[in-house]
Amino acid sequence: IYSQINDIVKTYPIVAENGVKYPFCVYQTQAQRPSTTKDGIYEWVYEVKLNIVDTQYDNLLDLTDSVIDKIMELEKDFDINIESITEYFSEDAFVKELNTKIVYYGNYKGEEINAFR
């Protein structure tokens, strides 16, 4: 996630740095779990929340579209679903919250992957 969207908007894991300038994005893994059968792990499922933050609403809308487009480019390696998009105003800024579900169907030996670097 980070490498996909950091060139569009400054991106931070979990929390933004103090004094960061707008706009920025914060992402957080809400859940990660393997799906298994008797033969072992066959996929990893990640639920990731992204908060895109800006003081200008129109700019926030454009950034959100760009971020979604970049995330969807990951579909060559992952199954990407935008589960919901909400918006709100907090601490003098507009926020778009994207809740995503990312599934990795890989041919690997049960090792967890880190999709967020």
PDB file of N, CA and C in Angstrom:
ATOM      1  N   ILE A   1       0.833  -1.178   0.000  1.00  0.00           N
ATOM      2  CA  ILE A   1       0.000   0.000   0.000  1.00  0.00           C
ATOM      3  C   ILE A   1       0.881   1.245   0.000  1.00  0.00           C
ATOM      4  N   TYR A   2       1.812   1.296   0.924  1.00  0.00           N
ATOM      5  CA  TYR A   2       2.665   2.481   1.065  1.00  0.00           C
ATOM      6  C   TYR A   2       3.357   2.835  -0.246  1.00  0.00           C
ATOM      7  N   SER A   3       4.015   1.854  -0.849  1.00  0.00           N
ATOM      8  CA  SER A   3       4.771   2.132  -2.068  1.00  0.00           C
ATOM      9  C   SER A   3       3.864   2.517  -3.232  1.00  0.00           C
ATOM     10  N   GLN A   4       2.608   2.090  -3.196  1.00  0.00           N
ATOM     11  CA  GLN A   4       1.678   2.434  -4.267  1.00  0.00           C
ATOM     12  C   GLN A   4       1.206   3.882  -4.169  1.00  0.00           C
ATOM     13  N   ILE A   5       0.928   4.362  -2.957  1.00  0.00           N
ATOM     14  CA  ILE A   5       0.261   5.662  -2.858  1.00  0.00           C
ATOM     15  C   ILE A   5       1.125   6.794  -2.316  1.00  0.00           C
ATOM     16  N   ASN A   6       2.305   6.504  -1.792  1.00  0.00           N
ATOM     17  CA  ASN A   6       3.119   7.567  -1.215  1.00  0.00           C
ATOM     18  C   ASN A   6       3.560   8.598  -2.254  1.00  0.00           C
ATOM     19  N   ASP A   7       3.634   8.218  -3.525  1.00  0.00           N
ATOM     20  CA  ASP A   7       4.005   9.199  -4.550  1.00  0.00           C
ATOM     21  C   ASP A   7       2.831  10.121  -4.906  1.00  0.00           C
ATOM     22  N   ILE A   8       1.613   9.764  -4.504  1.00  0.00           N
ATOM     23  CA  ILE A   8       0.435  10.596  -4.735  1.00  0.00           C
ATOM     24  C   ILE A   8       0.204  11.535  -3.559  1.00  0.00           C
ATOM     25  N   VAL A   9       0.298  10.964  -2.347  1.00  0.00           N
ATOM     26  CA  VAL A   9       0.050  11.716  -1.119  1.00  0.00           C
ATOM     27  C   VAL A   9       0.951  11.133  -0.028  1.00  0.00           C
ATOM     28  N   LYS A  10       1.540  11.985   0.795  1.00  0.00           N
ATOM     29  CA  LYS A  10       2.420  11.510   1.874  1.00  0.00           C
ATOM     30  C   LYS A  10       1.641  10.522   2.735  1.00  0.00           C
ATOM     31  N   THR A  11       2.233   9.346   2.961  1.00  0.00           N
ATOM     32  CA  THR A  11       1.516   8.236   3.580  1.00  0.00           C
ATOM     33  C   THR A  11       2.256   7.737   4.813  1.00  0.00           C
ATOM     34  N   TYR A  12       1.487   7.434   5.862  1.00  0.00           N
ATOM     35  CA  TYR A  12       2.047   6.984   7.139  1.00  0.00           C
ATOM     36  C   TYR A  12       1.318   5.738   7.625  1.00  0.00           C
ATOM     37  N   PRO A  13       2.046   4.816   8.259  1.00  0.00           N
ATOM     38  CA  PRO A  13       1.383   3.683   8.900  1.00  0.00           C
ATOM     39  C   PRO A  13       0.850   4.091  10.277  1.00  0.00           C
ATOM     40  N   ILE A  14      -0.372   3.782  10.558  1.00  0.00           N
ATOM     41  CA  ILE A  14      -1.056   3.915  11.838  1.00  0.00           C
ATOM     42  C   ILE A  14      -1.329   5.363  12.255  1.00  0.00           C
ATOM     43  N   VAL A  15      -0.297   6.217  12.314  1.00  0.00           N
ATOM     44  CA  VAL A  15      -0.505   7.603  12.747  1.00  0.00           C
ATOM     45  C   VAL A  15       0.455   8.517  11.993  1.00  0.00           C
ATOM     46  N   ALA A  16      -0.024   9.711  11.654  1.00  0.00           N
ATOM     47  CA  ALA A  16       0.830  10.682  10.969  1.00  0.00           C
ATOM     48  C   ALA A  16       1.779  11.332  11.966  1.00  0.00           C
ATOM     49  N   GLU A  17       2.900  11.802  11.455  1.00  0.00           N
ATOM     50  CA  GLU A  17       3.869  12.499  12.295  1.00  0.00           C
ATOM     51  C   GLU A  17       3.265  13.801  12.811  1.00  0.00           C
ATOM     52  N   ASN A  18       3.733  14.269  13.972  1.00  0.00           N
ATOM     53  CA  ASN A  18       3.293  15.557  14.502  1.00  0.00           C
ATOM     54  C   ASN A  18       3.661  16.671  13.533  1.00  0.00           C
ATOM     55  N   GLY A  19       2.742  17.593  13.334  1.00  0.00           N
ATOM     56  CA  GLY A  19       3.005  18.747  12.502  1.00  0.00           C
ATOM     57  C   GLY A  19       3.027  18.484  11.012  1.00  0.00           C
ATOM     58  N   VAL A  20       2.567  17.317  10.583  1.00  0.00           N
ATOM     59  CA  VAL A  20       2.557  16.989   9.158  1.00  0.00           C
ATOM     60  C   VAL A  20       1.681  17.985   8.401  1.00  0.00           C
ATOM     61  N   LYS A  21       2.101  18.323   7.195  1.00  0.00           N
ATOM     62  CA  LYS A  21       1.335  19.241   6.351  1.00  0.00           C
ATOM     63  C   LYS A  21       0.284  18.452   5.564  1.00  0.00           C
ATOM     64  N   TYR A  22      -0.833  19.109   5.306  1.00  0.00           N
ATOM     65  CA  TYR A  22      -1.895  18.519   4.499  1.00  0.00           C
ATOM     66  C   TYR A  22      -1.503  18.587   3.026  1.00  0.00           C
ATOM     67  N   PRO A  23      -1.991  17.674   2.224  1.00  0.00           N
ATOM     68  CA  PRO A  23      -2.756  16.462   2.525  1.00  0.00           C
ATOM     69  C   PRO A  23      -1.835  15.321   2.940  1.00  0.00           C
ATOM     70  N   PHE A  24      -2.429  14.296   3.551  1.00  0.00           N
ATOM     71  CA  PHE A  24      -1.696  13.085   3.899  1.00  0.00           C
ATOM     72  C   PHE A  24      -2.666  11.919   4.007  1.00  0.00           C
ATOM     73  N   CYS A  25      -2.091  10.725   4.113  1.00  0.00           N
ATOM     74  CA  CYS A  25      -2.885   9.498   4.239  1.00  0.00           C
ATOM     75  C   CYS A  25      -2.291   8.654   5.360  1.00  0.00           C
ATOM     76  N   VAL A  26      -3.166   8.036   6.128  1.00  0.00           N
ATOM     77  CA  VAL A  26      -2.756   7.105   7.178  1.00  0.00           C
ATOM     78  C   VAL A  26      -3.434   5.771   6.890  1.00  0.00           C
ATOM     79  N   TYR A  27      -2.656   4.686   6.925  1.00  0.00           N
ATOM     80  CA  TYR A  27      -3.252   3.367   6.732  1.00  0.00           C
ATOM     81  C   TYR A  27      -3.027   2.508   7.965  1.00  0.00           C
ATOM     82  N   GLN A  28      -3.960   1.614   8.194  1.00  0.00           N
ATOM     83  CA  GLN A  28      -3.888   0.740   9.368  1.00  0.00           C
ATOM     84  C   GLN A  28      -4.500  -0.612   9.032  1.00  0.00           C
ATOM     85  N   THR A  29      -3.772  -1.659   9.353  1.00  0.00           N
ATOM     86  CA  THR A  29      -4.304  -3.009   9.185  1.00  0.00           C
ATOM     87  C   THR A  29      -5.273  -3.276  10.325  1.00  0.00           C
ATOM     88  N   GLN A  30      -6.530  -3.497   9.980  1.00  0.00           N
ATOM     89  CA  GLN A  30      -7.563  -3.777  10.979  1.00  0.00           C
ATOM     90  C   GLN A  30      -7.592  -5.260  11.354  1.00  0.00           C
ATOM     91  N   ALA A  31      -7.253  -6.102  10.373  1.00  0.00           N
ATOM     92  CA  ALA A  31      -7.224  -7.548  10.617  1.00  0.00           C
ATOM     93  C   ALA A  31      -6.367  -8.195   9.544  1.00  0.00           C
ATOM     94  N   GLN A  32      -5.706  -9.277   9.918  1.00  0.00           N
ATOM     95  CA  GLN A  32      -5.010 -10.110   8.936  1.00  0.00           C
ATOM     96  C   GLN A  32      -5.119 -11.539   9.420  1.00  0.00           C
ATOM     97  N   ARG A  33      -5.503 -12.387   8.493  1.00  0.00           N
ATOM     98  CA  ARG A  33      -5.723 -13.778   8.894  1.00  0.00           C
ATOM     99  C   ARG A  33      -5.482 -14.710   7.710  1.00  0.00           C
ATOM    100  N   PRO A  34      -4.984 -15.883   8.004  1.00  0.00           N
ATOM    101  CA  PRO A  34      -4.832 -16.874   6.945  1.00  0.00           C
ATOM    102  C   PRO A  34      -6.133 -17.657   6.773  1.00  0.00           C
ATOM    103  N   SER A  35      -6.374 -18.092   5.563  1.00  0.00           N
ATOM    104  CA  SER A  35      -7.441 -19.057   5.304  1.00  0.00           C
ATOM    105  C   SER A  35      -6.745 -20.396   5.111  1.00  0.00           C
ATOM    106  N   THR A  36      -7.256 -21.423   5.784  1.00  0.00           N
ATOM    107  CA  THR A  36      -6.563 -22.703   5.777  1.00  0.00           C
ATOM    108  C   THR A  36      -7.497 -23.855   5.438  1.00  0.00           C
ATOM    109  N   THR A  37      -6.883 -24.919   4.992  1.00  0.00           N
ATOM    110  CA  THR A  37      -7.544 -26.207   4.829  1.00  0.00           C
ATOM    111  C   THR A  37      -6.676 -27.217   5.569  1.00  0.00           C
ATOM    112  N   LYS A  38      -7.024 -28.471   5.474  1.00  0.00           N
ATOM    113  CA  LYS A  38      -6.193 -29.493   6.117  1.00  0.00           C
ATOM    114  C   LYS A  38      -4.790 -29.547   5.514  1.00  0.00           C
ATOM    115  N   ASP A  39      -4.642 -29.000   4.308  1.00  0.00           N
ATOM    116  CA  ASP A  39      -3.345 -28.981   3.639  1.00  0.00           C
ATOM    117  C   ASP A  39      -2.512 -27.748   3.978  1.00  0.00           C
ATOM    118  N   GLY A  40      -3.096 -26.820   4.729  1.00  0.00           N
ATOM    119  CA  GLY A  40      -2.346 -25.631   5.127  1.00  0.00           C
ATOM    120  C   GLY A  40      -2.996 -24.343   4.647  1.00  0.00           C
ATOM    121  N   ILE A  41      -2.226 -23.277   4.661  1.00  0.00           N
ATOM    122  CA  ILE A  41      -2.702 -21.956   4.278  1.00  0.00           C
ATOM    123  C   ILE A  41      -2.813 -21.860   2.758  1.00  0.00           C
ATOM    124  N   TYR A  42      -3.943 -21.345   2.276  1.00  0.00           N
ATOM    125  CA  TYR A  42      -4.088 -21.154   0.832  1.00  0.00           C
ATOM    126  C   TYR A  42      -4.271 -19.688   0.446  1.00  0.00           C
ATOM    127  N   GLU A  43      -4.482 -18.802   1.428  1.00  0.00           N
ATOM    128  CA  GLU A  43      -4.573 -17.377   1.147  1.00  0.00           C
ATOM    129  C   GLU A  43      -4.413 -16.597   2.449  1.00  0.00           C
ATOM    130  N   TRP A  44      -4.059 -15.327   2.293  1.00  0.00           N
ATOM    131  CA  TRP A  44      -4.031 -14.385   3.412  1.00  0.00           C
ATOM    132  C   TRP A  44      -5.055 -13.301   3.120  1.00  0.00           C
ATOM    133  N   VAL A  45      -5.859 -12.944   4.131  1.00  0.00           N
ATOM    134  CA  VAL A  45      -6.873 -11.905   4.002  1.00  0.00           C
ATOM    135  C   VAL A  45      -6.495 -10.749   4.924  1.00  0.00           C
ATOM    136  N   TYR A  46      -6.452  -9.545   4.346  1.00  0.00           N
ATOM    137  CA  TYR A  46      -6.115  -8.336   5.095  1.00  0.00           C
ATOM    138  C   TYR A  46      -7.276  -7.355   5.001  1.00  0.00           C
ATOM    139  N   GLU A  47      -7.650  -6.766   6.114  1.00  0.00           N
ATOM    140  CA  GLU A  47      -8.607  -5.668   6.123  1.00  0.00           C
ATOM    141  C   GLU A  47      -7.819  -4.424   6.496  1.00  0.00           C
ATOM    142  N   VAL A  48      -7.810  -3.443   5.586  1.00  0.00           N
ATOM    143  CA  VAL A  48      -6.980  -2.257   5.746  1.00  0.00           C
ATOM    144  C   VAL A  48      -7.847  -1.012   5.638  1.00  0.00           C
ATOM    145  N   LYS A  49      -7.658  -0.108   6.597  1.00  0.00           N
ATOM    146  CA  LYS A  49      -8.348   1.172   6.587  1.00  0.00           C
ATOM    147  C   LYS A  49      -7.365   2.250   6.151  1.00  0.00           C
ATOM    148  N   LEU A  50      -7.775   3.087   5.211  1.00  0.00           N
ATOM    149  CA  LEU A  50      -6.975   4.232   4.780  1.00  0.00           C
ATOM    150  C   LEU A  50      -7.768   5.499   5.062  1.00  0.00           C
ATOM    151  N   ASN A  51      -7.148   6.453   5.729  1.00  0.00           N
ATOM    152  CA  ASN A  51      -7.756   7.760   5.937  1.00  0.00           C
ATOM    153  C   ASN A  51      -6.968   8.780   5.135  1.00  0.00           C
ATOM    154  N   ILE A  52      -7.632   9.402   4.177  1.00  0.00           N
ATOM    155  CA  ILE A  52      -7.029  10.456   3.370  1.00  0.00           C
ATOM    156  C   ILE A  52      -7.538  11.770   3.950  1.00  0.00           C
ATOM    157  N   VAL A  53      -6.614  12.688   4.237  1.00  0.00           N
ATOM    158  CA  VAL A  53      -6.948  13.890   4.991  1.00  0.00           C
ATOM    159  C   VAL A  53      -6.471  15.131   4.242  1.00  0.00           C
ATOM    160  N   ASP A  54      -7.353  16.130   4.131  1.00  0.00           N
ATOM    161  CA  ASP A  54      -6.982  17.399   3.501  1.00  0.00           C
ATOM    162  C   ASP A  54      -7.909  18.501   4.014  1.00  0.00           C
ATOM    163  N   THR A  55      -7.443  19.721   3.953  1.00  0.00           N
ATOM    164  CA  THR A  55      -8.257  20.866   4.372  1.00  0.00           C
ATOM    165  C   THR A  55      -9.150  21.372   3.252  1.00  0.00           C
ATOM    166  N   GLN A  56      -8.895  20.938   2.022  1.00  0.00           N
ATOM    167  CA  GLN A  56      -9.699  21.352   0.870  1.00  0.00           C
ATOM    168  C   GLN A  56     -10.506  20.153   0.360  1.00  0.00           C
ATOM    169  N   TYR A  57     -11.815  20.275   0.452  1.00  0.00           N
ATOM    170  CA  TYR A  57     -12.689  19.148   0.111  1.00  0.00           C
ATOM    171  C   TYR A  57     -12.524  18.709  -1.340  1.00  0.00           C
ATOM    172  N   ASP A  58     -12.500  19.646  -2.276  1.00  0.00           N
ATOM    173  CA  ASP A  58     -12.368  19.277  -3.696  1.00  0.00           C
ATOM    174  C   ASP A  58     -11.063  18.525  -3.954  1.00  0.00           C
ATOM    175  N   ASN A  59      -9.994  18.966  -3.335  1.00  0.00           N
ATOM    176  CA  ASN A  59      -8.708  18.276  -3.473  1.00  0.00           C
ATOM    177  C   ASN A  59      -8.781  16.871  -2.877  1.00  0.00           C
ATOM    178  N   LEU A  60      -9.488  16.749  -1.751  1.00  0.00           N
ATOM    179  CA  LEU A  60      -9.656  15.436  -1.110  1.00  0.00           C
ATOM    180  C   LEU A  60     -10.349  14.453  -2.055  1.00  0.00           C
ATOM    181  N   LEU A  61     -11.360  14.931  -2.773  1.00  0.00           N
ATOM    182  CA  LEU A  61     -12.072  14.060  -3.712  1.00  0.00           C
ATOM    183  C   LEU A  61     -11.138  13.571  -4.820  1.00  0.00           C
ATOM    184  N   ASP A  62     -10.327  14.478  -5.364  1.00  0.00           N
ATOM    185  CA  ASP A  62      -9.368  14.096  -6.409  1.00  0.00           C
ATOM    186  C   ASP A  62      -8.329  13.117  -5.878  1.00  0.00           C
ATOM    187  N   LEU A  63      -7.817  13.383  -4.685  1.00  0.00           N
ATOM    188  CA  LEU A  63      -6.824  12.485  -4.073  1.00  0.00           C
ATOM    189  C   LEU A  63      -7.406  11.095  -3.847  1.00  0.00           C
ATOM    190  N   THR A  64      -8.636  11.057  -3.378  1.00  0.00           N
ATOM    191  CA  THR A  64      -9.291   9.768  -3.120  1.00  0.00           C
ATOM    192  C   THR A  64      -9.395   8.960  -4.403  1.00  0.00           C
ATOM    193  N   ASP A  65      -9.810   9.598  -5.483  1.00  0.00           N
ATOM    194  CA  ASP A  65      -9.891   8.903  -6.773  1.00  0.00           C
ATOM    195  C   ASP A  65      -8.517   8.380  -7.205  1.00  0.00           C
ATOM    196  N   SER A  66      -7.483   9.198  -7.035  1.00  0.00           N
ATOM    197  CA  SER A  66      -6.131   8.789  -7.418  1.00  0.00           C
ATOM    198  C   SER A  66      -5.629   7.635  -6.566  1.00  0.00           C
ATOM    199  N   VAL A  67      -5.904   7.686  -5.264  1.00  0.00           N
ATOM    200  CA  VAL A  67      -5.486   6.611  -4.363  1.00  0.00           C
ATOM    201  C   VAL A  67      -6.185   5.310  -4.734  1.00  0.00           C
ATOM    202  N   ILE A  68      -7.477   5.372  -4.998  1.00  0.00           N
ATOM    203  CA  ILE A  68      -8.218   4.165  -5.384  1.00  0.00           C
ATOM    204  C   ILE A  68      -7.648   3.587  -6.675  1.00  0.00           C
ATOM    205  N   ASP A  69      -7.378   4.444  -7.651  1.00  0.00           N
ATOM    206  CA  ASP A  69      -6.805   3.963  -8.911  1.00  0.00           C
ATOM    207  C   ASP A  69      -5.479   3.249  -8.676  1.00  0.00           C
ATOM    208  N   LYS A  70      -4.617   3.813  -7.833  1.00  0.00           N
ATOM    209  CA  LYS A  70      -3.307   3.202  -7.553  1.00  0.00           C
ATOM    210  C   LYS A  70      -3.460   1.880  -6.797  1.00  0.00           C
ATOM    211  N   ILE A  71      -4.360   1.833  -5.839  1.00  0.00           N
ATOM    212  CA  ILE A  71      -4.577   0.589  -5.087  1.00  0.00           C
ATOM    213  C   ILE A  71      -5.071  -0.508  -6.025  1.00  0.00           C
ATOM    214  N   MET A  72      -5.959  -0.147  -6.937  1.00  0.00           N
ATOM    215  CA  MET A  72      -6.513  -1.147  -7.847  1.00  0.00           C
ATOM    216  C   MET A  72      -5.457  -1.696  -8.805  1.00  0.00           C
ATOM    217  N   GLU A  73      -4.352  -0.984  -8.992  1.00  0.00           N
ATOM    218  CA  GLU A  73      -3.252  -1.515  -9.799  1.00  0.00           C
ATOM    219  C   GLU A  73      -2.632  -2.756  -9.161  1.00  0.00           C
ATOM    220  N   LEU A  74      -2.852  -2.958  -7.873  1.00  0.00           N
ATOM    221  CA  LEU A  74      -2.336  -4.144  -7.178  1.00  0.00           C
ATOM    222  C   LEU A  74      -3.097  -5.408  -7.554  1.00  0.00           C
ATOM    223  N   GLU A  75      -4.179  -5.272  -8.308  1.00  0.00           N
ATOM    224  CA  GLU A  75      -5.004  -6.434  -8.637  1.00  0.00           C
ATOM    225  C   GLU A  75      -4.280  -7.494  -9.459  1.00  0.00           C
ATOM    226  N   LYS A  76      -3.135  -7.168 -10.014  1.00  0.00           N
ATOM    227  CA  LYS A  76      -2.386  -8.204 -10.729  1.00  0.00           C
ATOM    228  C   LYS A  76      -1.840  -9.254  -9.754  1.00  0.00           C
ATOM    229  N   ASP A  77      -1.662  -8.874  -8.474  1.00  0.00           N
ATOM    230  CA  ASP A  77      -1.135  -9.799  -7.463  1.00  0.00           C
ATOM    231  C   ASP A  77      -2.119 -10.112  -6.345  1.00  0.00           C
ATOM    232  N   PHE A  78      -3.144  -9.283  -6.191  1.00  0.00           N
ATOM    233  CA  PHE A  78      -4.076  -9.415  -5.067  1.00  0.00           C
ATOM    234  C   PHE A  78      -5.504  -9.248  -5.556  1.00  0.00           C
ATOM    235  N   ASP A  79      -6.454  -9.764  -4.773  1.00  0.00           N
ATOM    236  CA  ASP A  79      -7.865  -9.476  -4.987  1.00  0.00           C
ATOM    237  C   ASP A  79      -8.187  -8.282  -4.097  1.00  0.00           C
ATOM    238  N   ILE A  80      -8.530  -7.146  -4.704  1.00  0.00           N
ATOM    239  CA  ILE A  80      -8.756  -5.898  -3.964  1.00  0.00           C
ATOM    240  C   ILE A  80     -10.237  -5.553  -3.994  1.00  0.00           C
ATOM    241  N   ASN A  81     -10.813  -5.297  -2.822  1.00  0.00           N
ATOM    242  CA  ASN A  81     -12.202  -4.852  -2.731  1.00  0.00           C
ATOM    243  C   ASN A  81     -12.265  -3.620  -1.834  1.00  0.00           C
ATOM    244  N   ILE A  82     -12.870  -2.553  -2.357  1.00  0.00           N
ATOM    245  CA  ILE A  82     -13.166  -1.393  -1.524  1.00  0.00           C
ATOM    246  C   ILE A  82     -14.512  -1.714  -0.879  1.00  0.00           C
ATOM    247  N   GLU A  83     -14.496  -1.987   0.410  1.00  0.00           N
ATOM    248  CA  GLU A  83     -15.706  -2.417   1.119  1.00  0.00           C
ATOM    249  C   GLU A  83     -16.630  -1.243   1.424  1.00  0.00           C
ATOM    250  N   SER A  84     -16.054  -0.086   1.781  1.00  0.00           N
ATOM    251  CA  SER A  84     -16.869   1.093   2.071  1.00  0.00           C
ATOM    252  C   SER A  84     -16.002   2.342   2.012  1.00  0.00           C
ATOM    253  N   ILE A  85     -16.679   3.457   1.756  1.00  0.00           N
ATOM    254  CA  ILE A  85     -16.025   4.765   1.784  1.00  0.00           C
ATOM    255  C   ILE A  85     -16.937   5.696   2.582  1.00  0.00           C
ATOM    256  N   THR A  86     -16.377   6.305   3.608  1.00  0.00           N
ATOM    257  CA  THR A  86     -17.127   7.280   4.398  1.00  0.00           C
ATOM    258  C   THR A  86     -16.317   8.565   4.469  1.00  0.00           C
ATOM    259  N   GLU A  87     -16.995   9.638   4.835  1.00  0.00           N
ATOM    260  CA  GLU A  87     -16.291  10.905   4.978  1.00  0.00           C
ATOM    261  C   GLU A  87     -16.783  11.611   6.220  1.00  0.00           C
ATOM    262  N   TYR A  88     -15.890  12.417   6.782  1.00  0.00           N
ATOM    263  CA  TYR A  88     -16.237  13.204   7.960  1.00  0.00           C
ATOM    264  C   TYR A  88     -15.252  14.356   8.093  1.00  0.00           C
ATOM    265  N   PHE A  89     -15.509  15.216   9.052  1.00  0.00           N
ATOM    266  CA  PHE A  89     -14.668  16.375   9.321  1.00  0.00           C
ATOM    267  C   PHE A  89     -14.116  16.220  10.728  1.00  0.00           C
ATOM    268  N   SER A  90     -12.795  16.379  10.871  1.00  0.00           N
ATOM    269  CA  SER A  90     -12.156  16.204  12.173  1.00  0.00           C
ATOM    270  C   SER A  90     -10.920  17.096  12.262  1.00  0.00           C
ATOM    271  N   GLU A  91     -10.777  17.788  13.361  1.00  0.00           N
ATOM    272  CA  GLU A  91      -9.596  18.609  13.627  1.00  0.00           C
ATOM    273  C   GLU A  91      -9.271  19.531  12.448  1.00  0.00           C
ATOM    274  N   ASP A  92     -10.269  20.273  11.996  1.00  0.00           N
ATOM    275  CA  ASP A  92     -10.118  21.273  10.937  1.00  0.00           C
ATOM    276  C   ASP A  92      -9.752  20.691   9.570  1.00  0.00           C
ATOM    277  N   ALA A  93     -10.087  19.436   9.314  1.00  0.00           N
ATOM    278  CA  ALA A  93      -9.774  18.828   8.027  1.00  0.00           C
ATOM    279  C   ALA A  93     -10.876  17.837   7.625  1.00  0.00           C
ATOM    280  N   PHE A  94     -10.986  17.647   6.323  1.00  0.00           N
ATOM    281  CA  PHE A  94     -11.905  16.655   5.771  1.00  0.00           C
ATOM    282  C   PHE A  94     -11.182  15.311   5.677  1.00  0.00           C
ATOM    283  N   VAL A  95     -11.920  14.238   5.936  1.00  0.00           N
ATOM    284  CA  VAL A  95     -11.336  12.893   5.919  1.00  0.00           C
ATOM    285  C   VAL A  95     -12.208  11.983   5.063  1.00  0.00           C
ATOM    286  N   LYS A  96     -11.554  11.232   4.180  1.00  0.00           N
ATOM    287  CA  LYS A  96     -12.212  10.141   3.448  1.00  0.00           C
ATOM    288  C   LYS A  96     -11.630   8.855   4.007  1.00  0.00           C
ATOM    289  N   GLU A  97     -12.475   8.003   4.506  1.00  0.00           N
ATOM    290  CA  GLU A  97     -12.050   6.720   5.066  1.00  0.00           C
ATOM    291  C   GLU A  97     -12.418   5.607   4.102  1.00  0.00           C
ATOM    292  N   LEU A  98     -11.403   4.889   3.631  1.00  0.00           N
ATOM    293  CA  LEU A  98     -11.602   3.753   2.736  1.00  0.00           C
ATOM    294  C   LEU A  98     -11.337   2.476   3.520  1.00  0.00           C
ATOM    295  N   ASN A  99     -12.314   1.599   3.543  1.00  0.00           N
ATOM    296  CA  ASN A  99     -12.138   0.295   4.165  1.00  0.00           C
ATOM    297  C   ASN A  99     -11.998  -0.730   3.050  1.00  0.00           C
ATOM    298  N   THR A 100     -10.843  -1.395   3.038  1.00  0.00           N
ATOM    299  CA  THR A 100     -10.532  -2.321   1.957  1.00  0.00           C
ATOM    300  C   THR A 100     -10.334  -3.734   2.477  1.00  0.00           C
ATOM    301  N   LYS A 101     -10.530  -4.671   1.587  1.00  0.00           N
ATOM    302  CA  LYS A 101     -10.237  -6.082   1.851  1.00  0.00           C
ATOM    303  C   LYS A 101      -9.283  -6.530   0.757  1.00  0.00           C
ATOM    304  N   ILE A 102      -8.144  -7.044   1.163  1.00  0.00           N
ATOM    305  CA  ILE A 102      -7.105  -7.462   0.228  1.00  0.00           C
ATOM    306  C   ILE A 102      -6.831  -8.939   0.467  1.00  0.00           C
ATOM    307  N   VAL A 103      -6.948  -9.725  -0.596  1.00  0.00           N
ATOM    308  CA  VAL A 103      -6.730 -11.168  -0.490  1.00  0.00           C
ATOM    309  C   VAL A 103      -5.556 -11.546  -1.375  1.00  0.00           C
ATOM    310  N   TYR A 104      -4.618 -12.289  -0.790  1.00  0.00           N
ATOM    311  CA  TYR A 104      -3.461 -12.778  -1.537  1.00  0.00           C
ATOM    312  C   TYR A 104      -3.610 -14.279  -1.728  1.00  0.00           C
ATOM    313  N   TYR A 105      -3.743 -14.695  -2.993  1.00  0.00           N
ATOM    314  CA  TYR A 105      -3.786 -16.113  -3.343  1.00  0.00           C
ATOM    315  C   TYR A 105      -2.427 -16.435  -3.949  1.00  0.00           C
ATOM    316  N   GLY A 106      -1.512 -16.848  -3.139  1.00  0.00           N
ATOM    317  CA  GLY A 106      -0.173 -17.060  -3.665  1.00  0.00           C
ATOM    318  C   GLY A 106       0.240 -18.506  -3.603  1.00  0.00           C
ATOM    319  N   ASN A 107       1.231 -18.807  -4.387  1.00  0.00           N
ATOM    320  CA  ASN A 107       1.840 -20.123  -4.323  1.00  0.00           C
ATOM    321  C   ASN A 107       3.084 -19.993  -3.447  1.00  0.00           C
ATOM    322  N   TYR A 108       2.895 -20.160  -2.175  1.00  0.00           N
ATOM    323  CA  TYR A 108       3.983 -20.000  -1.218  1.00  0.00           C
ATOM    324  C   TYR A 108       3.814 -21.053  -0.142  1.00  0.00           C
ATOM    325  N   LYS A 109       4.746 -21.159   0.735  1.00  0.00           N
ATOM    326  CA  LYS A 109       4.764 -22.232   1.728  1.00  0.00           C
ATOM    327  C   LYS A 109       4.197 -21.781   3.069  1.00  0.00           C
ATOM    328  N   GLY A 110       3.029 -21.125   3.034  1.00  0.00           N
ATOM    329  CA  GLY A 110       2.389 -20.728   4.269  1.00  0.00           C
ATOM    330  C   GLY A 110       3.005 -19.522   4.931  1.00  0.00           C
ATOM    331  N   GLU A 111       3.885 -18.821   4.241  1.00  0.00           N
ATOM    332  CA  GLU A 111       4.503 -17.651   4.839  1.00  0.00           C
ATOM    333  C   GLU A 111       3.593 -16.454   4.652  1.00  0.00           C
ATOM    334  N   GLU A 112       3.448 -15.693   5.711  1.00  0.00           N
ATOM    335  CA  GLU A 112       2.669 -14.458   5.621  1.00  0.00           C
ATOM    336  C   GLU A 112       3.438 -13.468   4.763  1.00  0.00           C
ATOM    337  N   ILE A 113       2.710 -12.751   3.943  1.00  0.00           N
ATOM    338  CA  ILE A 113       3.350 -11.719   3.137  1.00  0.00           C
ATOM    339  C   ILE A 113       3.094 -10.363   3.758  1.00  0.00           C
ATOM    340  N   ASN A 114       3.915  -9.401   3.448  1.00  0.00           N
ATOM    341  CA  ASN A 114       3.661  -8.055   3.920  1.00  0.00           C
ATOM    342  C   ASN A 114       3.267  -7.218   2.709  1.00  0.00           C
ATOM    343  N   ALA A 115       1.993  -7.028   2.532  1.00  0.00           N
ATOM    344  CA  ALA A 115       1.465  -6.327   1.363  1.00  0.00           C
ATOM    345  C   ALA A 115       1.520  -4.822   1.518  1.00  0.00           C
ATOM    346  N   PHE A 116       2.000  -4.353   2.640  1.00  0.00           N
ATOM    347  CA  PHE A 116       1.825  -2.941   2.951  1.00  0.00           C
ATOM    348  C   PHE A 116       3.110  -2.150   2.942  1.00  0.00           C
ATOM    349  N   ARG A 117       4.178  -2.683   2.398  1.00  0.00           N
ATOM    350  CA  ARG A 117       5.434  -1.937   2.323  1.00  0.00           C
ATOM    351  C   ARG A 117       5.611  -1.326   0.976  1.00  0.00           C
TER     352      ARG A 117
END
